Amino acid sequence: MIIESLLSITLQYGLIGLFLCSFLSALIFFPGIADYTLPFFVAMNFNPVLTFVSITSGSIMGASINYYLGFANSGLVAKNKVKKASVKKWINRWGEKSMFMLSLLPLPIPFDVFTVAAGYLKMNFKKFFMSMFAGRVIKYACLIVILILGINILVSAWNFITLSWLTHII
């Protein structure tokens, strides 16, 4: 029900809906569906720059709130000590590099857990933010370019197939 509501809001309100969906999807409380809505916006010929700004800014703002939830020790970090220890080891070893790499990865990687853990483990916010920002910018820019190219290739192929089919009939 939550996923259907987020998708409905996203499509109903356009780029503002995409921003809200991206923001909510980046929070640890909600399922991440913003990446799945991106092809719809590209296919519906929304401005790619505005689409990029909407999804990226929502994702960055949501991840920053996750960081502060962890920083405030709100209890949202995994209660399983093995998971907590492995996340702490990963962040301590790789620091901002880990945030950059994780922010590049597509779903279903639970990036939200790592943003909360970064706050919980008191990672420097400036380093966290800059690495996460760079990763999200690269991720969404690449996704949008790939989607635009992919949709254009599919449309061209479809036009070629239908036109060649029609010329054989006529």
Protein backbone atom coordinates (compact mmCIF):
# COMPACT_ATOMS: atom_id res chain seq x y z
CA MET A 1 0.00 0.00 0.00
CA ILE A 2 2.85 2.40 0.78
CA ILE A 3 4.54 1.65 -2.55
CA GLU A 4 1.34 2.24 -4.53
CA SER A 5 0.74 5.52 -2.67
CA LEU A 6 4.27 6.77 -3.33
CA LEU A 7 4.05 5.82 -7.00
CA SER A 8 0.65 7.49 -7.34
CA ILE A 9 1.88 10.72 -5.72
CA THR A 10 5.00 10.68 -7.85
CA LEU A 11 3.17 10.35 -11.14
CA GLN A 12 0.33 12.69 -10.15
CA TYR A 13 2.55 15.60 -9.10
CA GLY A 14 5.30 15.31 -11.70
CA LEU A 15 8.73 16.57 -10.71
CA ILE A 16 7.57 17.70 -7.26
CA GLY A 17 6.20 14.18 -6.78
CA LEU A 18 9.53 12.74 -7.93
CA PHE A 19 11.34 14.92 -5.39
CA LEU A 20 8.99 13.81 -2.59
CA CYS A 21 9.24 10.17 -3.61
CA SER A 22 13.02 10.39 -3.75
CA PHE A 23 13.13 12.11 -0.36
CA LEU A 24 10.82 9.56 1.28
CA SER A 25 12.55 6.63 -0.44
CA ALA A 26 15.89 7.79 0.96
CA LEU A 27 14.53 7.72 4.52
CA ILE A 28 15.01 4.51 6.43
CA PHE A 29 11.27 4.30 7.20
CA PHE A 30 10.08 3.90 3.60
CA PRO A 31 10.80 1.43 0.81
CA GLY A 32 13.08 2.75 -1.91
CA ILE A 33 11.12 3.07 -5.14
CA ALA A 34 12.42 6.37 -6.53
CA ASP A 35 14.91 4.61 -8.80
CA TYR A 36 12.06 2.58 -10.28
CA THR A 37 10.04 5.70 -11.15
CA LEU A 38 12.89 7.33 -13.06
CA PRO A 39 12.23 5.48 -16.36
CA PHE A 40 8.66 6.80 -16.36
CA PHE A 41 9.86 10.40 -16.17
CA VAL A 42 12.40 9.90 -18.92
CA ALA A 43 9.85 8.10 -21.11
CA MET A 44 7.29 10.89 -20.55
CA ASN A 45 9.84 13.41 -21.88
CA PHE A 46 10.25 15.40 -18.67
CA ASN A 47 13.18 17.80 -18.81
CA PRO A 48 16.20 15.58 -17.99
CA VAL A 49 17.97 18.34 -16.05
CA LEU A 50 14.94 19.03 -13.86
CA THR A 51 14.37 15.29 -13.43
CA PHE A 52 18.00 14.94 -12.35
CA VAL A 53 17.72 17.85 -9.88
CA SER A 54 14.47 16.51 -8.41
CA ILE A 55 15.58 12.94 -7.80
CA THR A 56 19.11 13.83 -6.69
CA SER A 57 18.16 16.59 -4.25
CA GLY A 58 15.41 14.47 -2.68
CA SER A 59 17.77 11.54 -2.24
CA ILE A 60 20.52 13.68 -0.73
CA MET A 61 18.16 15.40 1.70
CA GLY A 62 16.68 12.07 2.83
CA ALA A 63 20.11 10.51 3.31
CA SER A 64 21.22 13.53 5.35
CA ILE A 65 18.24 13.11 7.66
CA ASN A 66 19.15 9.44 8.07
CA TYR A 67 22.65 10.53 9.08
CA TYR A 68 21.24 12.81 11.77
CA LEU A 69 18.88 10.09 13.00
CA GLY A 70 21.88 7.84 13.49
CA PHE A 71 23.91 10.68 14.99
CA ALA A 72 21.20 11.31 17.55
CA ASN A 73 21.33 7.59 18.45
CA SER A 74 17.65 7.15 17.75
CA GLY A 75 17.86 3.36 17.92
CA LEU A 76 17.29 2.87 14.20
CA VAL A 77 20.65 1.15 13.72
CA ALA A 78 20.34 -2.61 13.39
CA LYS A 79 19.95 -4.31 16.75
CA ASN A 80 21.89 -7.31 15.53
CA LYS A 81 25.40 -6.77 16.89
CA VAL A 82 26.99 -8.76 14.06
CA LYS A 83 25.45 -6.47 11.42
CA LYS A 84 26.35 -3.40 13.48
CA ALA A 85 29.94 -4.60 13.88
CA SER A 86 30.32 -5.37 10.18
CA VAL A 87 28.94 -1.95 9.18
CA LYS A 88 31.23 -0.24 11.70
CA LYS A 89 34.23 -2.15 10.37
CA TRP A 90 33.34 -1.23 6.79
CA ILE A 91 32.88 2.49 7.58
CA ASN A 92 35.99 2.71 9.75
CA ARG A 93 38.09 1.03 7.09
CA TRP A 94 36.79 2.84 4.04
CA GLY A 95 35.25 6.05 5.46
CA GLU A 96 34.03 8.43 2.81
CA LYS A 97 35.09 6.02 0.06
CA SER A 98 32.49 3.58 1.33
CA MET A 99 29.75 6.22 1.26
CA PHE A 100 30.75 7.18 -2.28
CA MET A 101 30.77 3.57 -3.49
CA LEU A 102 27.52 2.67 -1.73
CA SER A 103 25.73 5.77 -3.02
CA LEU A 104 26.59 4.73 -6.59
CA LEU A 105 25.00 1.30 -6.27
CA PRO A 106 21.45 0.71 -7.49
CA LEU A 107 18.73 -0.91 -5.46
CA PRO A 108 18.35 -3.30 -3.62
CA ILE A 109 21.48 -2.30 -1.68
CA PRO A 110 20.16 -0.94 1.66
CA PHE A 111 21.98 2.41 1.43
CA ASP A 112 19.69 3.82 4.14
CA VAL A 113 21.18 1.51 6.75
CA PHE A 114 24.67 2.76 5.93
CA THR A 115 23.66 6.43 6.14
CA VAL A 116 22.15 5.88 9.58
CA ALA A 117 25.21 3.88 10.61
CA ALA A 118 27.53 6.66 9.41
CA GLY A 119 25.74 9.08 11.71
CA TYR A 120 25.62 6.60 14.55
CA LEU A 121 29.37 6.02 14.23
CA LYS A 122 29.96 9.80 14.17
CA MET A 123 31.50 9.93 10.72
CA ASN A 124 32.50 13.49 9.84
CA PHE A 125 29.36 15.03 8.29
CA LYS A 126 31.24 17.10 5.72
CA LYS A 127 33.09 14.01 4.44
CA PHE A 128 29.88 11.99 4.55
CA PHE A 129 27.91 14.62 2.67
CA MET A 130 30.51 15.29 -0.02
CA SER A 131 31.11 11.61 -0.77
CA MET A 132 27.39 10.79 -0.76
CA PHE A 133 26.63 13.88 -2.87
CA ALA A 134 29.27 12.95 -5.47
CA GLY A 135 28.04 9.36 -5.63
CA ARG A 136 24.38 10.33 -6.02
CA VAL A 137 25.16 12.94 -8.69
CA ILE A 138 27.13 10.42 -10.74
CA LYS A 139 24.54 7.66 -10.20
CA TYR A 140 21.52 9.67 -11.30
CA ALA A 141 23.32 11.44 -14.15
CA CYS A 142 24.44 8.09 -15.55
CA LEU A 143 21.00 6.51 -15.08
CA ILE A 144 19.24 9.36 -16.87
CA VAL A 145 21.72 9.33 -19.77
CA ILE A 146 21.44 5.55 -20.11
CA LEU A 147 17.64 5.73 -19.99
CA ILE A 148 17.51 8.50 -22.61
CA LEU A 149 19.86 6.61 -24.92
CA GLY A 150 18.03 3.35 -24.32
CA ILE A 151 14.61 4.83 -24.99
CA ASN A 152 15.87 6.56 -28.15
CA ILE A 153 17.37 3.30 -29.40
CA LEU A 154 14.13 1.43 -28.69
CA VAL A 155 12.02 4.09 -30.43
CA SER A 156 14.37 4.11 -33.43
CA ALA A 157 14.27 0.32 -33.63
CA TRP A 158 10.49 0.31 -33.35
CA ASN A 159 10.18 2.94 -36.10
CA PHE A 160 12.56 0.99 -38.32
CA ILE A 161 10.68 -2.26 -37.79
CA THR A 162 7.24 -0.74 -38.34
CA LEU A 163 8.34 1.26 -41.38
CA SER A 164 10.08 -1.71 -42.98
CA TRP A 165 7.04 -3.86 -42.26
CA LEU A 166 4.72 -1.28 -43.81
CA THR A 167 6.86 -0.94 -46.96
CA HIS A 168 6.65 -4.69 -47.51
CA ILE A 169 2.87 -4.58 -47.24
CA ILE A 170 2.48 -1.59 -49.54
